[in-house]
Amino acid sequence: MTTTSVGMRCPDCAGQKTKVRTVRNMTAEPTLTYVLIAINVIVALGTLFSGGGATSAGGTLLDDGGLSRFDIEQGEYWRLVTSGFLHAGPLHLLFNMFGLYILGGLLEPAIGKLQFGVIYFVSLLAGAFGALLLQPDGLTVGASGAIFGLMGAAVIIMRSRGMNPMESGLGLWIGLNLLITFTIPNISIGGHIGGLLGGALAAFVLVDLRERMRLPEIAGLLLAGAVGVASVAGAIVVSA
C-alpha cells in the first residue's frame, strides 16, 4: 500500500486522481429547471391568448399540441413532446410547476444539467406512452408525466447515494400523488405511472448502473435515450 493525500491506496491506484465533488457543484443554480418552468408558463399564456379560458382548458394550442391516439396515428408525432408543455388551466400548471421547482432544485445540482434534462424528457415521453396506452380516446396534456418521472428518478438516485427516500419525505409525497391519481377523475393514470417508471428506469441506467459498472457517461446517456426511443415506438404502436 502507498500513502497518499487521501489515505492508503494500492500502488496501481496511487497514481490515479480521485474525482471530487465540491460544494460549489452541489449548490449550483438549477438553471435548466428555471428554463423549463419559464417555457411552461409562456406556453400557458399562449394557450390563454389563443382562446383558452382563464380557469379551464381550450384554445388553438391545446387542439394543435394535445396528445391523442388519433393524432399520433395521423403522424403528428410532435404531440408526444408538445403535450407535456400544455396545461388544462392555471391550477394544473401551478401544481406541476411547484413539483418541477422542488424536484429540479433537488436533482439538477446533484447530477448536472445534461443528465437532468435527459431524465426529464425521457420521463415526458414515457408518460405520453402510458397515457396513450390506457386512454384510447380524448386529449391528454400536462407535464405530470415528467414530474412523476423526476420523483422516480429521485428515489433511484437517493438510494444510489446511500440515502433513504422514505426519511426525506419523498416516499410520502409519491404516495399522496398516486392516491390523487387513482381517486380523482379526469387524471391520466397511464401518464403518471408511465412517467414514474420511465424516470426511474432512466435514472437507473444513467446514474446507478453506470456508476456501479464504471461505464462512461455516454453509455448511460445512450441507454437512457433508448428508454425514450422505446417510449416513442410504443406510443406509435398503440395508436396504430
Protein backbone atom coordinates (compact mmCIF):
# COMPACT_ATOMS: atom_id res chain seq x y z
CA MET A 1 0.00 0.00 0.00
CA THR A 2 1.10 3.56 -0.70
CA THR A 3 0.48 6.63 1.46
CA THR A 4 -1.32 9.39 -0.46
CA SER A 5 -3.08 12.65 0.44
CA VAL A 6 -6.40 10.79 0.65
CA GLY A 7 -5.14 7.84 2.69
CA MET A 8 -3.68 4.40 1.95
CA ARG A 9 -4.11 3.20 -1.60
CA CYS A 10 -2.80 0.29 -3.65
CA PRO A 11 0.21 1.02 -5.93
CA ASP A 12 -1.94 0.92 -9.11
CA CYS A 13 -4.49 3.34 -7.64
CA ALA A 14 -1.96 5.68 -6.03
CA GLY A 15 -1.21 7.42 -9.31
CA GLN A 16 -4.89 7.94 -10.16
CA LYS A 17 -6.68 11.14 -9.33
CA THR A 18 -9.89 10.88 -7.33
CA LYS A 19 -12.79 12.87 -8.75
CA VAL A 20 -14.00 15.26 -6.07
CA ARG A 21 -17.49 16.74 -5.99
CA THR A 22 -17.20 20.17 -4.44
CA VAL A 23 -19.76 22.19 -2.53
CA ARG A 24 -19.96 24.52 -5.50
CA ASN A 25 -21.12 21.61 -7.68
CA MET A 26 -23.82 20.63 -5.23
CA THR A 27 -25.14 24.16 -4.73
CA ALA A 28 -25.21 25.22 -8.39
CA GLU A 29 -28.32 27.02 -9.57
CA PRO A 30 -30.80 24.69 -11.30
CA THR A 31 -30.96 26.90 -14.37
CA LEU A 32 -32.43 24.21 -16.67
CA THR A 33 -35.26 23.78 -14.18
CA TYR A 34 -35.96 27.51 -14.36
CA VAL A 35 -35.88 27.39 -18.17
CA LEU A 36 -38.39 24.52 -18.24
CA ILE A 37 -40.69 26.39 -15.86
CA ALA A 38 -40.45 29.51 -18.00
CA ILE A 39 -41.32 27.57 -21.16
CA ASN A 40 -44.37 26.04 -19.49
CA VAL A 41 -45.56 29.43 -18.26
CA ILE A 42 -45.04 31.07 -21.66
CA VAL A 43 -46.95 28.26 -23.38
CA ALA A 44 -49.75 28.62 -20.80
CA LEU A 45 -50.00 32.33 -21.64
CA GLY A 46 -50.06 31.43 -25.31
CA THR A 47 -52.88 28.99 -24.62
CA LEU A 48 -54.84 31.73 -22.87
CA PHE A 49 -54.38 34.18 -25.73
CA SER A 50 -55.22 31.53 -28.33
CA GLY A 51 -58.75 31.16 -26.98
CA GLY A 52 -58.35 29.17 -23.79
CA GLY A 53 -60.31 30.21 -20.71
CA ALA A 54 -58.70 31.64 -17.58
CA THR A 55 -59.98 28.74 -15.47
CA SER A 56 -60.35 25.87 -17.93
CA ALA A 57 -58.80 24.11 -20.90
CA GLY A 58 -59.26 25.13 -24.50
CA GLY A 59 -57.72 27.16 -27.27
CA THR A 60 -55.92 26.55 -30.51
CA LEU A 61 -52.64 25.49 -28.89
CA LEU A 62 -54.31 22.67 -26.96
CA ASP A 63 -56.07 21.49 -30.09
CA ASP A 64 -52.83 21.56 -32.08
CA GLY A 65 -50.49 20.23 -29.39
CA GLY A 66 -52.52 17.91 -27.16
CA LEU A 67 -52.00 14.15 -27.22
CA SER A 68 -54.44 11.57 -28.58
CA ARG A 69 -54.21 8.23 -30.34
CA PHE A 70 -55.98 9.61 -33.41
CA ASP A 71 -53.46 12.41 -33.89
CA ILE A 72 -50.46 10.12 -33.42
CA GLU A 73 -51.98 7.69 -35.92
CA GLN A 74 -52.13 10.61 -38.37
CA GLY A 75 -48.36 11.05 -37.99
CA GLU A 76 -48.42 14.11 -35.71
CA TYR A 77 -45.61 12.77 -33.54
CA TRP A 78 -44.58 16.18 -32.22
CA ARG A 79 -47.56 15.94 -29.88
CA LEU A 80 -45.63 13.42 -27.78
CA VAL A 81 -43.48 16.38 -26.68
CA THR A 82 -45.75 19.41 -27.04
CA SER A 83 -48.48 17.85 -24.90
CA GLY A 84 -46.03 17.86 -21.99
CA PHE A 85 -45.83 21.67 -22.09
CA LEU A 86 -49.57 22.34 -22.25
CA HIS A 87 -51.88 22.54 -19.25
CA ALA A 88 -55.62 22.44 -18.62
CA GLY A 89 -55.87 25.68 -16.67
CA PRO A 90 -53.83 27.66 -14.12
CA LEU A 91 -54.21 25.19 -11.23
CA HIS A 92 -52.94 22.33 -13.37
CA LEU A 93 -49.94 24.48 -14.31
CA LEU A 94 -49.34 25.63 -10.73
CA PHE A 95 -49.24 22.14 -9.22
CA ASN A 96 -46.90 20.81 -11.91
CA MET A 97 -44.55 23.78 -11.78
CA PHE A 98 -44.35 23.57 -8.00
CA GLY A 99 -43.31 19.92 -8.32
CA LEU A 100 -40.78 20.79 -11.01
CA TYR A 101 -39.31 23.58 -8.88
CA ILE A 102 -38.84 21.30 -5.85
CA LEU A 103 -37.57 18.23 -7.70
CA GLY A 104 -35.42 20.23 -10.11
CA GLY A 105 -33.77 22.04 -7.24
CA LEU A 106 -33.00 18.65 -5.69
CA LEU A 107 -31.84 16.72 -8.74
CA GLU A 108 -30.25 19.12 -11.21
CA PRO A 109 -27.39 20.31 -8.94
CA ALA A 110 -26.75 16.70 -7.90
CA ILE A 111 -26.46 15.09 -11.34
CA GLY A 112 -25.86 18.01 -13.70
CA LYS A 113 -27.94 19.72 -16.37
CA LEU A 114 -27.35 17.15 -19.12
CA GLN A 115 -28.40 14.11 -17.12
CA PHE A 116 -31.29 16.00 -15.55
CA GLY A 117 -32.52 17.11 -18.97
CA VAL A 118 -32.30 13.58 -20.36
CA ILE A 119 -34.27 12.16 -17.44
CA TYR A 120 -36.90 14.89 -17.77
CA PHE A 121 -37.55 14.31 -21.47
CA VAL A 122 -37.40 10.51 -21.21
CA SER A 123 -39.99 10.75 -18.42
CA LEU A 124 -42.14 13.05 -20.57
CA LEU A 125 -42.06 10.55 -23.46
CA ALA A 126 -42.71 7.58 -21.19
CA GLY A 127 -45.66 9.45 -19.69
CA ALA A 128 -47.04 10.10 -23.17
CA PHE A 129 -46.76 6.39 -23.98
CA GLY A 130 -48.54 5.47 -20.75
CA ALA A 131 -51.31 7.97 -21.43
CA LEU A 132 -51.93 6.58 -24.92
CA LEU A 133 -51.76 3.01 -23.66
CA LEU A 134 -54.53 3.45 -21.07
CA GLN A 135 -56.58 6.19 -22.70
CA PRO A 136 -57.89 5.22 -26.15
CA ASP A 137 -59.97 8.38 -26.55
CA GLY A 138 -59.73 12.01 -25.52
CA LEU A 139 -56.95 14.59 -25.36
CA THR A 140 -54.13 14.48 -22.78
CA VAL A 141 -51.98 17.45 -21.73
CA GLY A 142 -49.67 18.33 -18.86
CA ALA A 143 -46.14 17.94 -17.51
CA SER A 144 -47.31 15.46 -14.89
CA GLY A 145 -45.63 12.50 -16.59
CA ALA A 146 -42.28 14.30 -16.49
CA ILE A 147 -42.83 15.36 -12.87
CA PHE A 148 -43.66 11.81 -11.80
CA GLY A 149 -40.55 10.71 -13.68
CA LEU A 150 -38.44 13.09 -11.61
CA MET A 151 -39.97 11.58 -8.46
CA GLY A 152 -38.99 8.09 -9.60
CA ALA A 153 -35.52 9.32 -10.56
CA ALA A 154 -35.06 10.97 -7.17
CA VAL A 155 -35.78 7.68 -5.41
CA ILE A 156 -33.22 5.81 -7.53
CA ILE A 157 -30.53 8.47 -7.16
CA MET A 158 -31.03 8.88 -3.41
CA ARG A 159 -30.73 5.13 -2.90
CA SER A 160 -27.60 5.02 -5.06
CA ARG A 161 -26.11 7.74 -2.82
CA GLY A 162 -26.88 5.71 0.30
CA MET A 163 -29.88 7.80 1.41
CA ASN A 164 -33.31 6.52 2.42
CA PRO A 165 -36.03 8.22 0.31
CA MET A 166 -38.64 7.49 2.97
CA GLU A 167 -36.74 9.53 5.55
CA SER A 168 -36.70 12.54 3.23
CA GLY A 169 -40.46 12.64 2.83
CA LEU A 170 -40.20 11.78 -0.87
CA GLY A 171 -41.90 8.42 -0.38
CA LEU A 172 -44.87 10.10 1.29
CA TRP A 173 -45.07 12.69 -1.50
CA ILE A 174 -45.13 9.96 -4.16
CA GLY A 175 -47.76 8.03 -2.19
CA LEU A 176 -50.02 11.07 -1.91
CA ASN A 177 -49.68 11.83 -5.61
CA LEU A 178 -50.52 8.23 -6.52
CA LEU A 179 -53.56 8.39 -4.24
CA ILE A 180 -54.72 11.52 -6.04
CA THR A 181 -54.03 9.86 -9.39
CA PHE A 182 -56.30 6.90 -8.66
CA THR A 183 -59.08 8.72 -6.79
CA ILE A 184 -59.69 11.99 -8.65
CA PRO A 185 -61.40 11.75 -12.06
CA ASN A 186 -60.01 13.18 -15.31
CA ILE A 187 -56.40 12.46 -14.32
CA SER A 188 -54.22 10.46 -16.70
CA ILE A 189 -53.33 7.34 -14.73
CA GLY A 190 -51.26 6.00 -17.61
CA GLY A 191 -49.40 9.27 -17.97
CA HIS A 192 -48.45 9.39 -14.30
CA ILE A 193 -47.46 5.72 -13.99
CA GLY A 194 -45.64 5.74 -17.33
CA GLY A 195 -43.67 8.82 -16.36
CA LEU A 196 -42.82 7.40 -12.92
CA LEU A 197 -41.49 4.15 -14.37
CA GLY A 198 -39.71 5.87 -17.26
CA GLY A 199 -37.94 8.34 -14.99
CA ALA A 200 -36.89 5.63 -12.55
CA LEU A 201 -35.53 3.44 -15.35
CA ALA A 202 -33.70 6.35 -16.99
CA ALA A 203 -32.08 7.30 -13.67
CA PHE A 204 -31.13 3.69 -13.02
CA VAL A 205 -29.22 3.23 -16.29
CA LEU A 206 -27.87 6.78 -16.39
CA VAL A 207 -26.67 7.07 -12.79
CA ASP A 208 -26.93 3.92 -10.66
CA LEU A 209 -25.99 1.21 -13.18
CA ARG A 210 -23.39 3.38 -14.90
CA GLU A 211 -21.61 4.22 -11.65
CA ARG A 212 -21.68 0.65 -10.34
CA MET A 213 -20.32 -0.75 -13.62
CA ARG A 214 -17.95 2.23 -14.12
CA LEU A 215 -19.30 2.91 -17.61
CA PRO A 216 -18.53 6.16 -19.43
CA GLU A 217 -21.21 8.84 -19.27
CA ILE A 218 -22.01 8.45 -22.96
CA ALA A 219 -23.02 4.82 -22.32
CA GLY A 220 -25.50 5.90 -19.67
CA LEU A 221 -26.87 8.62 -21.94
CA LEU A 222 -27.36 6.14 -24.77
CA LEU A 223 -29.14 3.65 -22.50
CA ALA A 224 -31.42 6.35 -21.13
CA GLY A 225 -32.05 7.60 -24.65
CA ALA A 226 -33.06 4.07 -25.63
CA VAL A 227 -35.81 4.22 -22.99
CA GLY A 228 -37.13 7.38 -24.65
CA VAL A 229 -36.95 5.81 -28.13
CA ALA A 230 -38.79 2.73 -26.87
CA SER A 231 -41.48 5.00 -25.41
CA VAL A 232 -41.96 6.76 -28.75
CA ALA A 233 -42.12 3.41 -30.57
CA GLY A 234 -44.66 2.12 -28.06
CA ALA A 235 -46.79 5.24 -28.46
CA ILE A 236 -46.84 4.79 -32.24
CA VAL A 237 -47.71 1.10 -31.99
CA VAL A 238 -50.63 1.52 -29.57
CA SER A 239 -52.01 4.37 -31.68
CA ALA A 240 -51.95 2.41 -34.94
